Structure formats: structure tokens, C-alpha cells
Amino acid sequence: MREDFLLLNPGPVPLARDVRQAMSEPMVSHRSAEFESVYENAQDGLDYIFERSSLDGTPTTSGGTSLIFNGTATMAMEAAVANLAGEDDEVVAVVNGKFGRRFKRIADRYANVTPVAFDWGQSIDPEAVAEAVTDETKVVTMVHNETSTGLLNPVAEVGEIAADHDAYFVVDGVTSLGGDEFLVDEWNVDVAVTDAQKALAAPPGTSAMYATPRAQEAFDGESAPFYEDLDWHLRKADSHQTPFTSAVPLFRGLALAVGHIEEEGMPERIARHRRQSAAFRSAFTAMGLSLFPERNDASEYSNTLTAVSLPASVRETPTEFFDAVTERGASISGGQAHLGGEIFRVSNMGNLSSEQILRGVRTIGEAFLDVGEDVDLEAGMAAAREQLR
């Protein structure tokens, strides 16, 4: 693959050179002091991200614990549900995209699930959630940034509903944490999960969880899968280890990546992601394209991923459009499941520069022109530059 190939798909995202190099260092034991130092550095960086993901850098929570898993965020999602809910408990699962549906499918294996479902791309109605959550509800699950549709969901509103009924609130922050605001305490979040390969800009294969003291007291590791016993993970984290063999190279990459985030500063990182996502949205609408998701008063467009409807003529042969993007040395994503061939998705997660955002806009515009779609490329470029100033 060419060195300047531009990954604009929603994970894995481009890695910094030193992150890549760290993974090729000589191997050490996962029970060695050297590895414990790596785990501690990664955990310290994650603590900073979970606890300082605010626009002004003020603390968003305190007293919780960051855990790192040898598995992607689906493992972390399952661990959260399996350690909090049993077969006699009710889980209310809020669904308006693929990853909300994934939370529901996970919960189906462990508890009685009441789904609150909306069409993919449709905004969540907090009133519908309020009707479903009762004093009998044990856990409420939802996705903050729905990657399949490009919507930023109303976590604050749903968190208040969960708190009113003393339910545990578990949130997928997979594509928002490390790139956007995430206020654990203010939003009444008990467990937040994220993934290394997304806005953290680390290699795929590990994920992380932030568990508040309230959630930790409720964890029942014996009811969870052996590998996902969070009581065990918490005990080992005290000594900067995982219960089982750790993916040493991936932890090394993660430790460096989260260190870079702390160096940049979360307020600056959030502001940069918001500029870049605004540049993509402005560019594509200026070209004459339509954004896919439907906002309401409670939702916003994603600040780490932009989902755009494909024009009708391109939907007939979408592969030609995506091939034209690839031929120019870039990668974007199409729609998932039934949205395949209906939309395209472009990510600004991680450490992209303004120049790379502009290159992405030009690449996509030229690909549309290649397949005969008469977009206004120069208007799109001008709109993007204006947002990036």
C-alpha cells in the first residue's frame, strides 16, 4: 500500500509513526515490570480522556477506574451488560442504528430486553425512552455516537431518565471518546466503553471501559463469561495487569496513542474534531449532496463521522464510486446492512490534519465527477476551507 494512502473509514484510523514503531519493539512478559509500566501509562492516559472530555478541560468525573481489555469494544459492551444484568433483570436498549442494535443483541443473551427502536438514521425521542424505563429497569444501554448513521444521540437526556429510576446507564462512546465531549457525571453514566482503533488513534485489538464506583459495586463477575469477569479485571488492574495474557504490542501502541491525546489536550482535540466534521458537512452540502441522518431537537450531527446519502444515479452502481475513491489513494466506507449502496461515510477520527481533510473532500468530489455525478467540487472545497480556518 502506498505510504500516503488516506484512511477515512471509521476505524481503523491512521496511526502515528511512533505508535507503529512501538509495536515492533522486542517482546517482554506480560507479567514483567516493563509491561506493568506500559499498562500504567495506558491507564493514566485513558483516565485523562474519560475524566477530562469537556470543552474547557474541567473534570467530568472522579473516583472511577479505567480498564483495558484484550478485545475490541464489542467485548467491553458485553462485559458491561453481563456483569450488571442477569436473566431476571430488565434491560432497556435504545436502538437507532447498527451499534445500538448490537447492544440489544448482546443484552438478549443475558437479560429480558425492552427495545426502544427507531429507524436507522432517525433521531431518538427521549419521551419514548421515558415511557419504556420503569423502576423495574436494571440497565439502560445506548450509543452516544451512532457510527452507522452519523448521529450524535442525546445521552444527557436518556441518562437523566435512567437516574430517575435508579437504573445503571451503560453508554457506547466508541467513536466519541477521544474526539468529542463526554460528560460522565453530568450525563449520569455508570459505565462508558470505547475502542482503541477509533478516535484514540491506536491499533485495533484493545478496548477500554470506565466504571464508576457505583457500577463497580454492582458488578457480578461470576455471572459473566469467564474472560469478562470485571471483578477479576479490577483486581488485576490494581497491579497494572490483565487477568490473562496481554497483547503486549497493542498495549504499547495504545499507551503512546493516549499519551499523544493528553499532549494535545482534550479541549483542543474536541475543537479540532468539530472543525473537521463541520468542514466535511459544509463541503458535501455545498457540492449539492444531502446528509443522511434526520436530526431533532435532542440530537446533533456526529463530530467524528459524516454520513451522506448517495445520489440516485450513483446508487445504481455504487461500486464504481467507491473504486474511484480507492484509485486516488483513499478509503471511505459505505452503509452497513440495509444501508449498503445508500450512503457513504467518511471519518475524521484521530489525528488528521486540515490538509488531509481537504484532500478527502477533493478525492470524494473527483470520484463523483468520474462516475458522472455533477457535483460542485470547487464550492465544496471553498466551504471546507472556510470551516478549517
Protein backbone atom coordinates (compact mmCIF):
# COMPACT_ATOMS: atom_id res chain seq x y z
CA MET A 1 0.00 0.00 0.00
CA ARG A 2 1.29 3.48 -0.84
CA GLU A 3 2.74 5.39 2.12
CA ASP A 4 0.36 8.32 1.72
CA PHE A 5 -2.79 6.17 1.48
CA LEU A 6 -5.51 8.09 3.33
CA LEU A 7 -7.76 6.11 5.68
CA LEU A 8 -11.03 7.98 6.03
CA ASN A 9 -13.12 4.99 7.06
CA PRO A 10 -14.49 4.90 10.62
CA GLY A 11 -11.74 2.71 12.03
CA PRO A 12 -9.11 1.54 11.99
CA VAL A 13 -7.72 5.05 11.64
CA PRO A 14 -4.20 6.18 10.67
CA LEU A 15 -1.51 5.59 13.30
CA ALA A 16 1.32 7.90 14.27
CA ARG A 17 4.76 6.65 13.24
CA ASP A 18 5.97 6.15 16.82
CA VAL A 19 2.80 4.17 17.64
CA ARG A 20 3.59 1.83 14.74
CA GLN A 21 7.22 1.56 15.80
CA ALA A 22 6.31 0.78 19.41
CA MET A 23 4.57 -2.39 18.29
CA SER A 24 7.80 -3.75 16.78
CA GLU A 25 9.88 -3.45 19.97
CA PRO A 26 11.32 -6.68 21.49
CA MET A 27 8.79 -8.82 23.30
CA VAL A 28 8.54 -8.85 27.09
CA SER A 29 6.49 -10.90 29.53
CA HIS A 30 3.02 -9.62 30.30
CA ARG A 31 3.86 -10.22 33.97
CA SER A 32 7.06 -8.16 33.88
CA ALA A 33 7.74 -4.75 35.38
CA GLU A 34 8.26 -3.46 31.84
CA PHE A 35 4.73 -4.41 30.85
CA GLU A 36 3.23 -3.09 34.07
CA SER A 37 4.74 0.28 33.19
CA VAL A 38 3.12 0.12 29.74
CA TYR A 39 -0.27 -0.73 31.27
CA GLU A 40 0.06 2.06 33.82
CA ASN A 41 0.88 4.61 31.11
CA ALA A 42 -2.08 3.47 29.01
CA GLN A 43 -4.39 3.55 32.02
CA ASP A 44 -3.20 7.03 33.04
CA GLY A 45 -3.87 8.31 29.52
CA LEU A 46 -7.32 6.71 29.48
CA ASP A 47 -8.10 8.20 32.89
CA TYR A 48 -7.32 11.61 31.43
CA ILE A 49 -9.60 11.04 28.43
CA PHE A 50 -12.52 9.64 30.43
CA GLU A 51 -12.20 12.29 33.12
CA ARG A 52 -11.41 15.38 31.02
CA SER A 53 -13.54 15.08 27.88
CA SER A 54 -15.03 18.54 28.25
CA LEU A 55 -14.76 21.66 26.13
CA ASP A 56 -12.94 23.54 28.88
CA GLY A 57 -10.90 20.65 30.26
CA THR A 58 -12.62 20.63 33.65
CA PRO A 59 -13.12 17.23 35.31
CA THR A 60 -16.15 15.31 34.14
CA THR A 61 -15.90 12.57 36.76
CA SER A 62 -13.68 11.30 39.54
CA GLY A 63 -13.14 8.15 41.52
CA GLY A 64 -13.79 5.68 38.70
CA THR A 65 -11.46 3.11 37.18
CA SER A 66 -10.24 2.66 33.62
CA LEU A 67 -9.90 -0.94 32.47
CA ILE A 68 -8.20 -2.19 29.30
CA PHE A 69 -9.34 -5.35 27.52
CA ASN A 70 -7.68 -7.79 25.14
CA GLY A 71 -10.53 -7.40 22.68
CA THR A 72 -12.40 -4.78 20.70
CA ALA A 73 -15.26 -2.70 22.07
CA THR A 74 -17.84 -5.43 21.48
CA MET A 75 -16.10 -7.33 24.28
CA ALA A 76 -16.32 -4.27 26.54
CA MET A 77 -20.00 -3.83 25.70
CA GLU A 78 -20.73 -7.45 26.54
CA ALA A 79 -18.69 -7.28 29.75
CA ALA A 80 -20.67 -4.27 30.95
CA VAL A 81 -24.06 -5.90 30.36
CA ALA A 82 -23.07 -9.36 31.59
CA ASN A 83 -21.64 -8.03 34.87
CA LEU A 84 -24.66 -5.82 35.62
CA ALA A 85 -27.71 -7.77 34.45
CA GLY A 86 -28.97 -11.32 34.88
CA GLU A 87 -31.71 -13.43 33.39
CA ASP A 88 -34.36 -11.98 35.72
CA ASP A 89 -33.40 -8.36 35.08
CA GLU A 90 -34.77 -5.90 32.54
CA VAL A 91 -32.50 -4.05 30.13
CA VAL A 92 -33.92 -1.17 28.09
CA ALA A 93 -31.92 -0.95 24.87
CA VAL A 94 -32.15 2.24 22.81
CA VAL A 95 -31.64 1.49 19.11
CA ASN A 96 -31.35 3.78 16.09
CA GLY A 97 -28.50 2.17 14.20
CA LYS A 98 -26.28 -0.88 13.90
CA PHE A 99 -24.41 -0.43 17.16
CA GLY A 100 -27.49 0.27 19.23
CA ARG A 101 -28.83 -2.95 17.76
CA ARG A 102 -25.60 -4.70 18.76
CA PHE A 103 -26.10 -3.62 22.37
CA LYS A 104 -29.61 -5.07 22.23
CA ARG A 105 -28.39 -8.34 20.75
CA ILE A 106 -25.79 -8.65 23.49
CA ALA A 107 -28.34 -7.93 26.21
CA ASP A 108 -30.73 -10.51 24.73
CA ARG A 109 -28.27 -13.22 25.82
CA TYR A 110 -28.23 -12.18 29.46
CA ALA A 111 -31.47 -10.45 30.42
CA ASN A 112 -35.01 -9.54 29.45
CA VAL A 113 -34.74 -6.77 26.89
CA THR A 114 -37.21 -3.99 26.18
CA PRO A 115 -36.10 -2.29 22.97
CA VAL A 116 -36.86 1.33 22.17
CA ALA A 117 -36.23 1.27 18.44
CA PHE A 118 -36.19 3.93 15.74
CA ASP A 119 -35.38 3.71 12.05
CA TRP A 120 -31.66 3.84 11.35
CA GLY A 121 -30.73 7.47 10.92
CA GLN A 122 -33.81 8.70 12.78
CA SER A 123 -33.21 10.68 15.96
CA ILE A 124 -34.07 9.25 19.35
CA ASP A 125 -37.19 10.60 21.03
CA PRO A 126 -36.41 10.85 24.78
CA GLU A 127 -40.14 10.71 25.57
CA ALA A 128 -40.33 7.24 24.03
CA VAL A 129 -37.42 6.16 26.20
CA ALA A 130 -39.10 7.62 29.28
CA GLU A 131 -42.19 5.53 28.58
CA ALA A 132 -40.11 2.34 28.47
CA VAL A 133 -37.89 2.82 31.54
CA THR A 134 -39.52 1.94 34.88
CA ASP A 135 -38.43 1.35 38.46
CA GLU A 136 -38.01 -2.31 37.48
CA THR A 137 -35.41 -1.49 34.83
CA LYS A 138 -31.92 -2.63 35.87
CA VAL A 139 -29.83 -1.30 32.96
CA VAL A 140 -30.29 1.17 30.11
CA THR A 141 -27.96 0.88 27.10
CA MET A 142 -27.42 3.31 24.27
CA VAL A 143 -24.86 4.54 21.76
CA HIS A 144 -23.57 8.10 22.03
CA ASN A 145 -22.18 8.49 18.52
CA GLU A 146 -24.01 6.10 16.15
CA THR A 147 -21.31 5.33 13.61
CA SER A 148 -23.64 3.60 11.19
CA THR A 149 -25.70 6.76 10.60
CA GLY A 150 -23.66 9.81 11.66
CA LEU A 151 -25.92 10.88 14.54
CA LEU A 152 -24.86 12.12 17.97
CA ASN A 153 -27.53 10.79 20.31
CA PRO A 154 -28.97 12.55 23.41
CA VAL A 155 -27.06 10.78 26.17
CA ALA A 156 -27.73 13.54 28.70
CA GLU A 157 -31.50 13.25 28.34
CA VAL A 158 -31.55 9.46 28.48
CA GLY A 159 -29.11 9.46 31.40
CA GLU A 160 -31.49 11.62 33.39
CA ILE A 161 -34.29 9.16 32.70
CA ALA A 162 -32.12 6.25 33.85
CA ALA A 163 -31.11 8.11 37.01
CA ASP A 164 -34.74 8.92 37.84
CA HIS A 165 -35.40 5.17 38.00
CA ASP A 166 -32.07 4.21 39.63
CA ALA A 167 -31.11 2.15 36.56
CA TYR A 168 -27.49 1.63 35.58
CA PHE A 169 -26.62 3.58 32.44
CA VAL A 170 -24.17 1.93 30.05
CA VAL A 171 -23.01 4.01 27.08
CA ASP A 172 -21.10 3.12 23.93
CA GLY A 173 -18.68 6.01 23.49
CA VAL A 174 -16.68 4.05 20.94
CA THR A 175 -16.45 6.79 18.31
CA SER A 176 -16.86 9.83 20.52
CA LEU A 177 -14.45 9.36 23.41
CA GLY A 178 -11.12 10.82 22.39
CA GLY A 179 -12.77 13.04 19.81
CA ASP A 180 -15.77 14.75 21.36
CA GLU A 181 -17.26 15.87 24.64
CA PHE A 182 -18.33 13.10 27.03
CA LEU A 183 -19.53 14.17 30.50
CA VAL A 184 -19.70 11.05 32.67
CA ASP A 185 -21.13 12.53 35.87
CA GLU A 186 -23.34 15.21 34.31
CA TRP A 187 -24.89 12.63 32.00
CA ASN A 188 -25.37 10.06 34.81
CA VAL A 189 -23.21 7.49 33.01
CA ASP A 190 -22.24 4.46 35.12
CA VAL A 191 -20.17 2.61 32.51
CA ALA A 192 -18.61 4.04 29.35
CA VAL A 193 -16.80 1.96 26.75
CA THR A 194 -14.53 2.92 23.89
CA ASP A 195 -12.29 1.30 21.29
CA ALA A 196 -8.59 1.75 20.59
CA GLN A 197 -8.95 1.86 16.81
CA LYS A 198 -11.34 4.82 16.67
CA ALA A 199 -10.78 8.36 17.98
CA LEU A 200 -7.97 7.14 20.27
CA ALA A 201 -5.90 6.51 17.11
CA ALA A 202 -4.39 3.29 18.44
CA PRO A 203 -4.09 -0.13 16.77
CA PRO A 204 -7.19 -2.33 16.66
CA GLY A 205 -7.50 -5.17 19.14
CA THR A 206 -7.92 -3.50 22.53
CA SER A 207 -10.74 -1.54 24.13
CA ALA A 208 -11.37 0.31 27.35
CA MET A 209 -14.04 0.86 29.95
CA TYR A 210 -14.60 3.50 32.59
CA ALA A 211 -16.54 2.15 35.56
CA THR A 212 -17.80 4.46 38.29
CA PRO A 213 -17.71 3.31 41.93
CA ARG A 214 -21.49 2.78 41.79
CA ALA A 215 -21.12 0.43 38.84
CA GLN A 216 -18.20 -1.42 40.40
CA GLU A 217 -20.26 -2.19 43.50
CA ALA A 218 -22.93 -3.76 41.27
CA PHE A 219 -20.62 -5.91 39.13
CA ASP A 220 -21.22 -9.65 39.46
CA GLY A 221 -18.25 -11.27 37.76
CA GLU A 222 -19.38 -14.82 38.50
CA SER A 223 -22.45 -14.35 36.30
CA ALA A 224 -20.37 -13.09 33.37
CA PRO A 225 -18.29 -15.01 30.84
CA PHE A 226 -15.02 -16.22 32.42
CA TYR A 227 -12.92 -13.91 30.22
CA GLU A 228 -15.09 -10.88 31.08
CA ASP A 229 -15.26 -11.15 34.88
CA LEU A 230 -14.93 -7.46 35.74
CA ASP A 231 -14.24 -8.12 39.42
CA TRP A 232 -11.17 -10.02 38.28
CA HIS A 233 -10.19 -7.30 35.80
CA LEU A 234 -10.49 -4.67 38.55
CA ARG A 235 -8.26 -6.66 40.92
CA LYS A 236 -5.56 -7.15 38.28
CA ALA A 237 -5.75 -3.51 37.19
CA ASP A 238 -4.59 -2.54 40.68
CA SER A 239 -1.25 -4.10 39.77
CA HIS A 240 -1.34 -2.80 36.16
CA GLN A 241 -2.07 -6.14 34.56
CA THR A 242 -4.90 -8.01 32.87
CA PRO A 243 -6.18 -11.36 34.20
CA PHE A 244 -4.86 -13.21 31.17
CA THR A 245 -2.04 -12.88 28.65
CA SER A 246 -1.97 -9.32 27.38
CA ALA A 247 -1.47 -8.29 23.76
CA VAL A 248 1.82 -6.59 24.59
CA PRO A 249 2.45 -4.84 21.23
CA LEU A 250 -1.11 -3.46 21.13
CA PHE A 251 -0.87 -2.15 24.69
CA ARG A 252 2.38 -0.41 23.77
CA GLY A 253 0.70 1.28 20.83
CA LEU A 254 -2.28 2.27 22.96
CA ALA A 255 -0.07 3.77 25.68
CA LEU A 256 1.67 6.04 23.19
CA ALA A 257 -1.55 6.99 21.39
CA VAL A 258 -3.37 8.10 24.54
CA GLY A 259 -0.23 9.95 25.60
CA HIS A 260 -0.43 11.96 22.37
CA ILE A 261 -4.03 12.86 23.21
CA GLU A 262 -3.02 14.20 26.60
CA GLU A 263 -0.25 16.23 24.94
CA GLU A 264 -2.74 17.78 22.53
CA GLY A 265 -5.28 18.36 25.31
CA MET A 266 -8.89 17.26 25.20
CA PRO A 267 -10.37 20.77 24.71
CA GLU A 268 -8.11 21.32 21.70
CA ARG A 269 -8.81 17.84 20.37
CA ILE A 270 -12.57 18.25 20.68
CA ALA A 271 -12.43 21.63 18.95
CA ARG A 272 -10.32 20.19 16.12
CA HIS A 273 -12.71 17.30 15.53
CA ARG A 274 -15.66 19.68 15.49
CA ARG A 275 -13.96 21.94 12.92
CA GLN A 276 -13.11 18.98 10.72
CA SER A 277 -16.57 17.43 10.83
CA ALA A 278 -18.11 20.82 10.07
CA ALA A 279 -15.73 21.08 7.10
CA PHE A 280 -16.93 17.73 5.73
CA ARG A 281 -20.60 18.57 6.23
CA SER A 282 -20.26 22.02 4.69
CA ALA A 283 -18.24 20.67 1.78
CA PHE A 284 -20.65 17.92 0.85
CA THR A 285 -23.77 20.07 1.13
CA ALA A 286 -22.05 22.80 -0.93
CA MET A 287 -21.38 20.15 -3.59
CA GLY A 288 -25.12 19.52 -3.75
CA LEU A 289 -25.22 16.32 -1.68
CA SER A 290 -27.58 15.56 1.23
CA LEU A 291 -26.59 14.48 4.72
CA PHE A 292 -28.19 11.17 5.66
CA PRO A 293 -29.35 11.38 9.31
CA GLU A 294 -32.51 13.14 10.47
CA ARG A 295 -31.88 15.45 13.41
CA ASN A 296 -34.38 16.56 16.01
CA ASP A 297 -34.10 18.98 18.94
CA ALA A 298 -32.38 16.33 21.05
CA SER A 299 -29.73 15.16 18.58
CA GLU A 300 -26.78 16.55 16.66
CA TYR A 301 -24.69 15.51 13.70
CA SER A 302 -21.69 13.41 14.64
CA ASN A 303 -18.44 15.30 15.18
CA THR A 304 -16.24 12.35 14.23
CA LEU A 305 -18.03 10.85 11.23
CA THR A 306 -20.16 12.21 8.40
CA ALA A 307 -22.84 10.11 6.67
CA VAL A 308 -24.03 11.29 3.27
CA SER A 309 -26.80 9.96 1.03
CA LEU A 310 -25.58 8.72 -2.33
CA PRO A 311 -27.31 10.38 -5.30
CA ALA A 312 -29.89 8.19 -7.04
CA SER A 313 -27.74 7.71 -10.15
CA VAL A 314 -24.76 6.53 -8.07
CA ARG A 315 -26.88 4.06 -6.11
CA GLU A 316 -27.37 2.09 -9.31
CA THR A 317 -23.65 1.21 -9.43
CA PRO A 318 -22.10 2.34 -6.11
CA THR A 319 -19.03 0.15 -6.52
CA GLU A 320 -17.78 2.40 -9.33
CA PHE A 321 -17.83 5.41 -6.99
CA PHE A 322 -16.00 3.64 -4.16
CA ASP A 323 -13.46 2.24 -6.64
CA ALA A 324 -12.82 5.76 -7.92
CA VAL A 325 -12.05 6.88 -4.35
CA THR A 326 -9.66 3.96 -3.82
CA GLU A 327 -7.88 4.62 -7.10
CA ARG A 328 -6.99 8.07 -5.75
CA GLY A 329 -5.29 6.58 -2.70
CA ALA A 330 -8.04 6.93 -0.13
CA SER A 331 -10.57 4.77 1.66
CA ILE A 332 -14.10 5.63 2.82
CA SER A 333 -16.95 3.40 3.93
CA GLY A 334 -20.36 2.62 2.54
CA GLY A 335 -23.51 1.95 4.50
CA GLN A 336 -23.93 -1.08 6.73
CA ALA A 337 -26.61 -3.77 6.45
CA HIS A 338 -29.66 -2.41 4.59
CA LEU A 339 -27.90 0.95 4.08
CA GLY A 340 -25.36 -0.64 1.76
CA GLY A 341 -25.40 1.24 -1.54
CA GLU A 342 -27.50 4.02 0.03
CA ILE A 343 -24.90 6.16 1.81
CA PHE A 344 -21.20 6.77 2.20
CA ARG A 345 -19.43 7.52 5.47
CA VAL A 346 -16.24 9.47 5.99
CA SER A 347 -14.36 9.68 9.27
CA ASN A 348 -12.27 12.45 10.81
CA MET A 349 -11.40 10.44 13.92
CA GLY A 350 -7.89 10.53 15.29
CA ASN A 351 -5.06 12.79 14.24
CA LEU A 352 -5.96 14.01 10.75
CA SER A 353 -4.61 17.36 9.59
CA SER A 354 -6.55 20.09 7.79
CA GLU A 355 -4.64 19.18 4.62
CA GLN A 356 -5.85 15.58 4.87
CA ILE A 357 -9.44 16.73 5.34
CA LEU A 358 -9.17 18.89 2.22
CA ARG A 359 -7.59 16.01 0.32
CA GLY A 360 -10.52 13.83 1.36
CA VAL A 361 -13.04 16.40 0.13
CA ARG A 362 -11.28 16.73 -3.22
CA THR A 363 -10.90 12.97 -3.61
CA ILE A 364 -14.58 12.32 -3.00
CA GLY A 365 -15.66 15.17 -5.25
CA GLU A 366 -13.45 13.97 -8.08
CA ALA A 367 -14.74 10.41 -7.64
CA PHE A 368 -18.29 11.67 -8.08
CA LEU A 369 -17.28 13.54 -11.23
CA ASP A 370 -15.63 10.36 -12.52
CA VAL A 371 -18.91 8.46 -12.31
CA GLY A 372 -20.89 11.24 -13.96
CA GLU A 373 -22.39 12.97 -10.91
CA ASP A 374 -22.25 16.74 -11.49
CA VAL A 375 -21.14 17.94 -8.05
CA ASP A 376 -19.79 21.46 -7.46
CA LEU A 377 -16.31 20.47 -6.34
CA GLU A 378 -14.86 23.97 -6.05
CA ALA A 379 -17.79 25.15 -3.94
CA GLY A 380 -17.20 22.16 -1.69
CA MET A 381 -13.50 22.93 -1.35
CA ALA A 382 -14.21 26.56 -0.53
CA ALA A 383 -16.76 25.60 2.13
CA ALA A 384 -14.31 23.18 3.74
CA ARG A 385 -11.51 25.75 3.82
CA GLU A 386 -13.82 28.26 5.47
CA GLN A 387 -14.62 25.84 8.31
CA LEU A 388 -10.98 24.87 8.79
CA ARG A 389 -9.70 28.43 9.14
